[in-house]
Amino acid sequence: MTLYTNMPLELVLAGMNEEREPCVELELDGALLQVEPVAPGIGKIVRLVHAPLQQYLNPKYYPGSLITYSANPS
């Protein structure tokens, strides 16, 4: 892979080796989402693992979107 940039290498690779909190998979409105916890009950969508086709076009489920969820599904 070749990366062309005018930024210093230290900035480009900053945080690359830091440990991340593991992603959580949860089901919401019939879609299985992979979510990265940001705060208690709030997560950033990493990807849609499995969902009905119309859910892929829903802006609510775009990767990078923040959603609220409960830790204990009931």
PDB file of N, CA and C in Angstrom:
ATOM      1  N   MET A   1       0.836  -1.165   0.000  1.00  0.00           N
ATOM      2  CA  MET A   1       0.000   0.000   0.000  1.00  0.00           C
ATOM      3  C   MET A   1       0.888   1.237   0.000  1.00  0.00           C
ATOM      4  N   THR A   2       0.572   2.181  -0.842  1.00  0.00           N
ATOM      5  CA  THR A   2       1.297   3.436  -0.912  1.00  0.00           C
ATOM      6  C   THR A   2       0.396   4.552  -0.423  1.00  0.00           C
ATOM      7  N   LEU A   3       0.922   5.389   0.454  1.00  0.00           N
ATOM      8  CA  LEU A   3       0.167   6.499   1.014  1.00  0.00           C
ATOM      9  C   LEU A   3       0.881   7.791   0.658  1.00  0.00           C
ATOM     10  N   TYR A   4       0.245   8.617  -0.142  1.00  0.00           N
ATOM     11  CA  TYR A   4       0.801   9.909  -0.521  1.00  0.00           C
ATOM     12  C   TYR A   4       0.178  10.980   0.356  1.00  0.00           C
ATOM     13  N   THR A   5       0.986  11.653   1.149  1.00  0.00           N
ATOM     14  CA  THR A   5       0.495  12.699   2.036  1.00  0.00           C
ATOM     15  C   THR A   5       1.602  13.692   2.337  1.00  0.00           C
ATOM     16  N   ASN A   6       1.212  14.920   2.654  1.00  0.00           N
ATOM     17  CA  ASN A   6       2.196  15.911   3.054  1.00  0.00           C
ATOM     18  C   ASN A   6       2.236  16.061   4.574  1.00  0.00           C
ATOM     19  N   MET A   7       1.483  15.203   5.265  1.00  0.00           N
ATOM     20  CA  MET A   7       1.487  15.217   6.728  1.00  0.00           C
ATOM     21  C   MET A   7       2.673  14.416   7.251  1.00  0.00           C
ATOM     22  N   PRO A   8       3.214  14.805   8.419  1.00  0.00           N
ATOM     23  CA  PRO A   8       4.310  14.025   9.005  1.00  0.00           C
ATOM     24  C   PRO A   8       3.844  12.606   9.338  1.00  0.00           C
ATOM     25  N   LEU A   9       4.724  11.659   9.192  1.00  0.00           N
ATOM     26  CA  LEU A   9       4.419  10.255   9.433  1.00  0.00           C
ATOM     27  C   LEU A   9       3.917  10.018  10.859  1.00  0.00           C
ATOM     28  N   GLU A  10       4.451  10.774  11.828  1.00  0.00           N
ATOM     29  CA  GLU A  10       4.026  10.612  13.219  1.00  0.00           C
ATOM     30  C   GLU A  10       2.539  10.931  13.384  1.00  0.00           C
ATOM     31  N   LEU A  11       2.023  11.919  12.660  1.00  0.00           N
ATOM     32  CA  LEU A  11       0.606  12.259  12.740  1.00  0.00           C
ATOM     33  C   LEU A  11      -0.267  11.224  12.041  1.00  0.00           C
ATOM     34  N   VAL A  12       0.202  10.715  10.934  1.00  0.00           N
ATOM     35  CA  VAL A  12      -0.572   9.736  10.171  1.00  0.00           C
ATOM     36  C   VAL A  12      -0.716   8.441  10.967  1.00  0.00           C
ATOM     37  N   LEU A  13       0.322   8.031  11.637  1.00  0.00           N
ATOM     38  CA  LEU A  13       0.309   6.753  12.346  1.00  0.00           C
ATOM     39  C   LEU A  13      -0.005   6.890  13.830  1.00  0.00           C
ATOM     40  N   ALA A  14      -0.343   8.085  14.294  1.00  0.00           N
ATOM     41  CA  ALA A  14      -0.641   8.298  15.717  1.00  0.00           C
ATOM     42  C   ALA A  14      -1.827   7.443  16.154  1.00  0.00           C
ATOM     43  N   GLY A  15      -1.667   6.728  17.242  1.00  0.00           N
ATOM     44  CA  GLY A  15      -2.746   5.907  17.799  1.00  0.00           C
ATOM     45  C   GLY A  15      -2.929   4.564  17.130  1.00  0.00           C
ATOM     46  N   MET A  16      -2.080   4.235  16.182  1.00  0.00           N
ATOM     47  CA  MET A  16      -2.251   2.984  15.448  1.00  0.00           C
ATOM     48  C   MET A  16      -2.077   1.755  16.343  1.00  0.00           C
ATOM     49  N   ASN A  17      -1.184   1.829  17.303  1.00  0.00           N
ATOM     50  CA  ASN A  17      -0.902   0.674  18.157  1.00  0.00           C
ATOM     51  C   ASN A  17      -1.646   0.698  19.478  1.00  0.00           C
ATOM     52  N   GLU A  18      -2.518   1.679  19.691  1.00  0.00           N
ATOM     53  CA  GLU A  18      -3.268   1.749  20.934  1.00  0.00           C
ATOM     54  C   GLU A  18      -4.394   0.719  20.937  1.00  0.00           C
ATOM     55  N   GLU A  19      -4.652   0.179  22.115  1.00  0.00           N
ATOM     56  CA  GLU A  19      -5.731  -0.790  22.271  1.00  0.00           C
ATOM     57  C   GLU A  19      -7.072  -0.077  22.186  1.00  0.00           C
ATOM     58  N   ARG A  20      -8.011  -0.678  21.481  1.00  0.00           N
ATOM     59  CA  ARG A  20      -9.364  -0.153  21.384  1.00  0.00           C
ATOM     60  C   ARG A  20     -10.294  -1.002  22.218  1.00  0.00           C
ATOM     61  N   GLU A  21     -11.380  -0.377  22.664  1.00  0.00           N
ATOM     62  CA  GLU A  21     -12.402  -1.130  23.365  1.00  0.00           C
ATOM     63  C   GLU A  21     -13.081  -2.056  22.352  1.00  0.00           C
ATOM     64  N   PRO A  22     -13.345  -3.302  22.734  1.00  0.00           N
ATOM     65  CA  PRO A  22     -13.943  -4.230  21.763  1.00  0.00           C
ATOM     66  C   PRO A  22     -15.321  -3.769  21.305  1.00  0.00           C
ATOM     67  N   CYS A  23     -15.625  -4.071  20.068  1.00  0.00           N
ATOM     68  CA  CYS A  23     -16.925  -3.718  19.497  1.00  0.00           C
ATOM     69  C   CYS A  23     -18.003  -4.651  20.035  1.00  0.00           C
ATOM     70  N   VAL A  24     -19.218  -4.137  20.045  1.00  0.00           N
ATOM     71  CA  VAL A  24     -20.376  -4.875  20.543  1.00  0.00           C
ATOM     72  C   VAL A  24     -21.319  -5.091  19.369  1.00  0.00           C
ATOM     73  N   GLU A  25     -21.870  -6.281  19.257  1.00  0.00           N
ATOM     74  CA  GLU A  25     -22.885  -6.540  18.236  1.00  0.00           C
ATOM     75  C   GLU A  25     -24.252  -6.482  18.901  1.00  0.00           C
ATOM     76  N   LEU A  26     -25.159  -5.715  18.291  1.00  0.00           N
ATOM     77  CA  LEU A  26     -26.505  -5.635  18.822  1.00  0.00           C
ATOM     78  C   LEU A  26     -27.500  -5.557  17.679  1.00  0.00           C
ATOM     79  N   GLU A  27     -28.702  -6.008  17.973  1.00  0.00           N
ATOM     80  CA  GLU A  27     -29.762  -6.010  16.965  1.00  0.00           C
ATOM     81  C   GLU A  27     -30.706  -4.861  17.256  1.00  0.00           C
ATOM     82  N   LEU A  28     -30.973  -4.063  16.228  1.00  0.00           N
ATOM     83  CA  LEU A  28     -31.828  -2.898  16.359  1.00  0.00           C
ATOM     84  C   LEU A  28     -32.677  -2.787  15.113  1.00  0.00           C
ATOM     85  N   ASP A  29     -34.001  -2.809  15.250  1.00  0.00           N
ATOM     86  CA  ASP A  29     -34.943  -2.715  14.129  1.00  0.00           C
ATOM     87  C   ASP A  29     -34.671  -3.771  13.063  1.00  0.00           C
ATOM     88  N   GLY A  30     -34.328  -4.978  13.480  1.00  0.00           N
ATOM     89  CA  GLY A  30     -34.095  -6.067  12.535  1.00  0.00           C
ATOM     90  C   GLY A  30     -32.727  -6.043  11.873  1.00  0.00           C
ATOM     91  N   ALA A  31     -31.849  -5.128  12.287  1.00  0.00           N
ATOM     92  CA  ALA A  31     -30.508  -5.040  11.716  1.00  0.00           C
ATOM     93  C   ALA A  31     -29.483  -5.429  12.777  1.00  0.00           C
ATOM     94  N   LEU A  32     -28.527  -6.257  12.405  1.00  0.00           N
ATOM     95  CA  LEU A  32     -27.436  -6.623  13.301  1.00  0.00           C
ATOM     96  C   LEU A  32     -26.303  -5.640  13.051  1.00  0.00           C
ATOM     97  N   LEU A  33     -25.954  -4.855  14.085  1.00  0.00           N
ATOM     98  CA  LEU A  33     -24.968  -3.794  13.956  1.00  0.00           C
ATOM     99  C   LEU A  33     -23.732  -4.106  14.779  1.00  0.00           C
ATOM    100  N   GLN A  34     -22.582  -3.675  14.285  1.00  0.00           N
ATOM    101  CA  GLN A  34     -21.363  -3.723  15.068  1.00  0.00           C
ATOM    102  C   GLN A  34     -21.119  -2.297  15.551  1.00  0.00           C
ATOM    103  N   VAL A  35     -21.089  -2.125  16.881  1.00  0.00           N
ATOM    104  CA  VAL A  35     -21.045  -0.803  17.487  1.00  0.00           C
ATOM    105  C   VAL A  35     -19.819  -0.681  18.379  1.00  0.00           C
ATOM    106  N   GLU A  36     -19.137   0.455  18.280  1.00  0.00           N
ATOM    107  CA  GLU A  36     -18.002   0.754  19.151  1.00  0.00           C
ATOM    108  C   GLU A  36     -18.504   1.657  20.281  1.00  0.00           C
ATOM    109  N   PRO A  37     -18.446   1.197  21.536  1.00  0.00           N
ATOM    110  CA  PRO A  37     -18.942   2.021  22.644  1.00  0.00           C
ATOM    111  C   PRO A  37     -18.142   3.319  22.759  1.00  0.00           C
ATOM    112  N   VAL A  38     -18.870   4.438  22.915  1.00  0.00           N
ATOM    113  CA  VAL A  38     -18.248   5.745  23.073  1.00  0.00           C
ATOM    114  C   VAL A  38     -18.428   6.217  24.508  1.00  0.00           C
ATOM    115  N   ALA A  39     -19.611   6.025  25.040  1.00  0.00           N
ATOM    116  CA  ALA A  39     -19.961   6.364  26.420  1.00  0.00           C
ATOM    117  C   ALA A  39     -21.012   5.348  26.852  1.00  0.00           C
ATOM    118  N   PRO A  40     -21.324   5.288  28.131  1.00  0.00           N
ATOM    119  CA  PRO A  40     -22.365   4.331  28.564  1.00  0.00           C
ATOM    120  C   PRO A  40     -23.693   4.590  27.849  1.00  0.00           C
ATOM    121  N   GLY A  41     -24.144   3.584  27.100  1.00  0.00           N
ATOM    122  CA  GLY A  41     -25.411   3.686  26.388  1.00  0.00           C
ATOM    123  C   GLY A  41     -25.330   4.379  25.047  1.00  0.00           C
ATOM    124  N   ILE A  42     -24.151   4.832  24.641  1.00  0.00           N
ATOM    125  CA  ILE A  42     -23.969   5.512  23.350  1.00  0.00           C
ATOM    126  C   ILE A  42     -22.860   4.795  22.587  1.00  0.00           C
ATOM    127  N   GLY A  43     -23.102   4.549  21.315  1.00  0.00           N
ATOM    128  CA  GLY A  43     -22.109   3.875  20.502  1.00  0.00           C
ATOM    129  C   GLY A  43     -22.039   4.434  19.097  1.00  0.00           C
ATOM    130  N   LYS A  44     -20.889   4.230  18.463  1.00  0.00           N
ATOM    131  CA  LYS A  44     -20.684   4.651  17.080  1.00  0.00           C
ATOM    132  C   LYS A  44     -20.775   3.415  16.200  1.00  0.00           C
ATOM    133  N   ILE A  45     -21.604   3.481  15.174  1.00  0.00           N
ATOM    134  CA  ILE A  45     -21.779   2.335  14.282  1.00  0.00           C
ATOM    135  C   ILE A  45     -20.509   2.124  13.469  1.00  0.00           C
ATOM    136  N   VAL A  46     -19.991   0.896  13.533  1.00  0.00           N
ATOM    137  CA  VAL A  46     -18.814   0.530  12.750  1.00  0.00           C
ATOM    138  C   VAL A  46     -19.262  -0.055  11.413  1.00  0.00           C
ATOM    139  N   ARG A  47     -20.239  -0.962  11.458  1.00  0.00           N
ATOM    140  CA  ARG A  47     -20.755  -1.557  10.221  1.00  0.00           C
ATOM    141  C   ARG A  47     -22.065  -2.271  10.475  1.00  0.00           C
ATOM    142  N   LEU A  48     -22.788  -2.496   9.408  1.00  0.00           N
ATOM    143  CA  LEU A  48     -23.979  -3.336   9.449  1.00  0.00           C
ATOM    144  C   LEU A  48     -23.534  -4.737   9.097  1.00  0.00           C
ATOM    145  N   VAL A  49     -23.745  -5.668   9.996  1.00  0.00           N
ATOM    146  CA  VAL A  49     -23.349  -7.051   9.759  1.00  0.00           C
ATOM    147  C   VAL A  49     -24.388  -7.751   8.901  1.00  0.00           C
ATOM    148  N   HIS A  50     -25.651  -7.585   9.278  1.00  0.00           N
ATOM    149  CA  HIS A  50     -26.741  -8.227   8.544  1.00  0.00           C
ATOM    150  C   HIS A  50     -27.982  -7.376   8.738  1.00  0.00           C
ATOM    151  N   ALA A  51     -28.653  -7.058   7.635  1.00  0.00           N
ATOM    152  CA  ALA A  51     -29.853  -6.219   7.724  1.00  0.00           C
ATOM    153  C   ALA A  51     -30.689  -6.385   6.463  1.00  0.00           C
ATOM    154  N   PRO A  52     -31.978  -6.056   6.550  1.00  0.00           N
ATOM    155  CA  PRO A  52     -32.790  -6.002   5.339  1.00  0.00           C
ATOM    156  C   PRO A  52     -32.225  -4.938   4.391  1.00  0.00           C
ATOM    157  N   LEU A  53     -32.442  -5.121   3.112  1.00  0.00           N
ATOM    158  CA  LEU A  53     -31.809  -4.237   2.125  1.00  0.00           C
ATOM    159  C   LEU A  53     -32.137  -2.763   2.329  1.00  0.00           C
ATOM    160  N   GLN A  54     -33.361  -2.430   2.710  1.00  0.00           N
ATOM    161  CA  GLN A  54     -33.728  -1.025   2.864  1.00  0.00           C
ATOM    162  C   GLN A  54     -32.983  -0.364   4.031  1.00  0.00           C
ATOM    163  N   GLN A  55     -32.507  -1.148   5.002  1.00  0.00           N
ATOM    164  CA  GLN A  55     -31.772  -0.579   6.138  1.00  0.00           C
ATOM    165  C   GLN A  55     -30.411  -0.028   5.717  1.00  0.00           C
ATOM    166  N   TYR A  56     -29.819  -0.565   4.649  1.00  0.00           N
ATOM    167  CA  TYR A  56     -28.514  -0.092   4.196  1.00  0.00           C
ATOM    168  C   TYR A  56     -28.593   1.342   3.667  1.00  0.00           C
ATOM    169  N   LEU A  57     -29.774   1.776   3.238  1.00  0.00           N
ATOM    170  CA  LEU A  57     -29.950   3.134   2.729  1.00  0.00           C
ATOM    171  C   LEU A  57     -30.465   4.092   3.796  1.00  0.00           C
ATOM    172  N   ASN A  58     -30.756   3.604   4.973  1.00  0.00           N
ATOM    173  CA  ASN A  58     -31.272   4.436   6.054  1.00  0.00           C
ATOM    174  C   ASN A  58     -30.115   5.219   6.685  1.00  0.00           C
ATOM    175  N   PRO A  59     -30.164   6.567   6.655  1.00  0.00           N
ATOM    176  CA  PRO A  59     -29.066   7.364   7.221  1.00  0.00           C
ATOM    177  C   PRO A  59     -28.868   7.143   8.717  1.00  0.00           C
ATOM    178  N   LYS A  60     -29.863   6.608   9.383  1.00  0.00           N
ATOM    179  CA  LYS A  60     -29.758   6.307  10.813  1.00  0.00           C
ATOM    180  C   LYS A  60     -28.692   5.247  11.082  1.00  0.00           C
ATOM    181  N   TYR A  61     -28.429   4.391  10.098  1.00  0.00           N
ATOM    182  CA  TYR A  61     -27.497   3.276  10.282  1.00  0.00           C
ATOM    183  C   TYR A  61     -26.196   3.431   9.501  1.00  0.00           C
ATOM    184  N   TYR A  62     -25.861   4.623   9.071  1.00  0.00           N
ATOM    185  CA  TYR A  62     -24.599   4.827   8.363  1.00  0.00           C
ATOM    186  C   TYR A  62     -23.430   4.604   9.319  1.00  0.00           C
ATOM    187  N   PRO A  63     -22.346   4.000   8.858  1.00  0.00           N
ATOM    188  CA  PRO A  63     -21.153   3.881   9.694  1.00  0.00           C
ATOM    189  C   PRO A  63     -20.680   5.269  10.131  1.00  0.00           C
ATOM    190  N   GLY A  64     -20.350   5.375  11.410  1.00  0.00           N
ATOM    191  CA  GLY A  64     -19.937   6.646  11.977  1.00  0.00           C
ATOM    192  C   GLY A  64     -21.056   7.362  12.708  1.00  0.00           C
ATOM    193  N   SER A  65     -22.309   6.924  12.491  1.00  0.00           N
ATOM    194  CA  SER A  65     -23.440   7.536  13.182  1.00  0.00           C
ATOM    195  C   SER A  65     -23.450   7.107  14.646  1.00  0.00           C
ATOM    196  N   LEU A  66     -23.883   8.017  15.505  1.00  0.00           N
ATOM    197  CA  LEU A  66     -24.003   7.701  16.925  1.00  0.00           C
ATOM    198  C   LEU A  66     -25.426   7.251  17.219  1.00  0.00           C
ATOM    199  N   ILE A  67     -25.546   6.188  18.006  1.00  0.00           N
ATOM    200  CA  ILE A  67     -26.854   5.685  18.392  1.00  0.00           C
ATOM    201  C   ILE A  67     -26.860   5.459  19.901  1.00  0.00           C
ATOM    202  N   THR A  68     -28.057   5.411  20.457  1.00  0.00           N
ATOM    203  CA  THR A  68     -28.204   5.060  21.867  1.00  0.00           C
ATOM    204  C   THR A  68     -28.735   3.637  21.941  1.00  0.00           C
ATOM    205  N   TYR A  69     -28.275   2.910  22.927  1.00  0.00           N
ATOM    206  CA  TYR A  69     -28.720   1.542  23.126  1.00  0.00           C
ATOM    207  C   TYR A  69     -28.656   1.225  24.611  1.00  0.00           C
ATOM    208  N   SER A  70     -29.390   0.208  25.011  1.00  0.00           N
ATOM    209  CA  SER A  70     -29.340  -0.218  26.408  1.00  0.00           C
ATOM    210  C   SER A  70     -28.416  -1.424  26.514  1.00  0.00           C
ATOM    211  N   ALA A  71     -27.665  -1.465  27.583  1.00  0.00           N
ATOM    212  CA  ALA A  71     -26.718  -2.573  27.792  1.00  0.00           C
ATOM    213  C   ALA A  71     -27.448  -3.870  28.073  1.00  0.00           C
ATOM    214  N   ASN A  72     -28.633  -3.774  28.659  1.00  0.00           N
ATOM    215  CA  ASN A  72     -29.422  -4.961  28.998  1.00  0.00           C
ATOM    216  C   ASN A  72     -30.671  -4.979  28.138  1.00  0.00           C
ATOM    217  N   PRO A  73     -30.663  -5.681  26.983  1.00  0.00           N
ATOM    218  CA  PRO A  73     -31.861  -5.734  26.179  1.00  0.00           C
ATOM    219  C   PRO A  73     -32.976  -6.471  26.909  1.00  0.00           C
ATOM    220  N   SER A  74     -34.197  -5.870  26.923  1.00  0.00           N
ATOM    221  CA  SER A  74     -35.317  -6.524  27.579  1.00  0.00           C
ATOM    222  C   SER A  74     -36.518  -6.594  26.696  1.00  0.00           C
TER     223      SER A  74
END
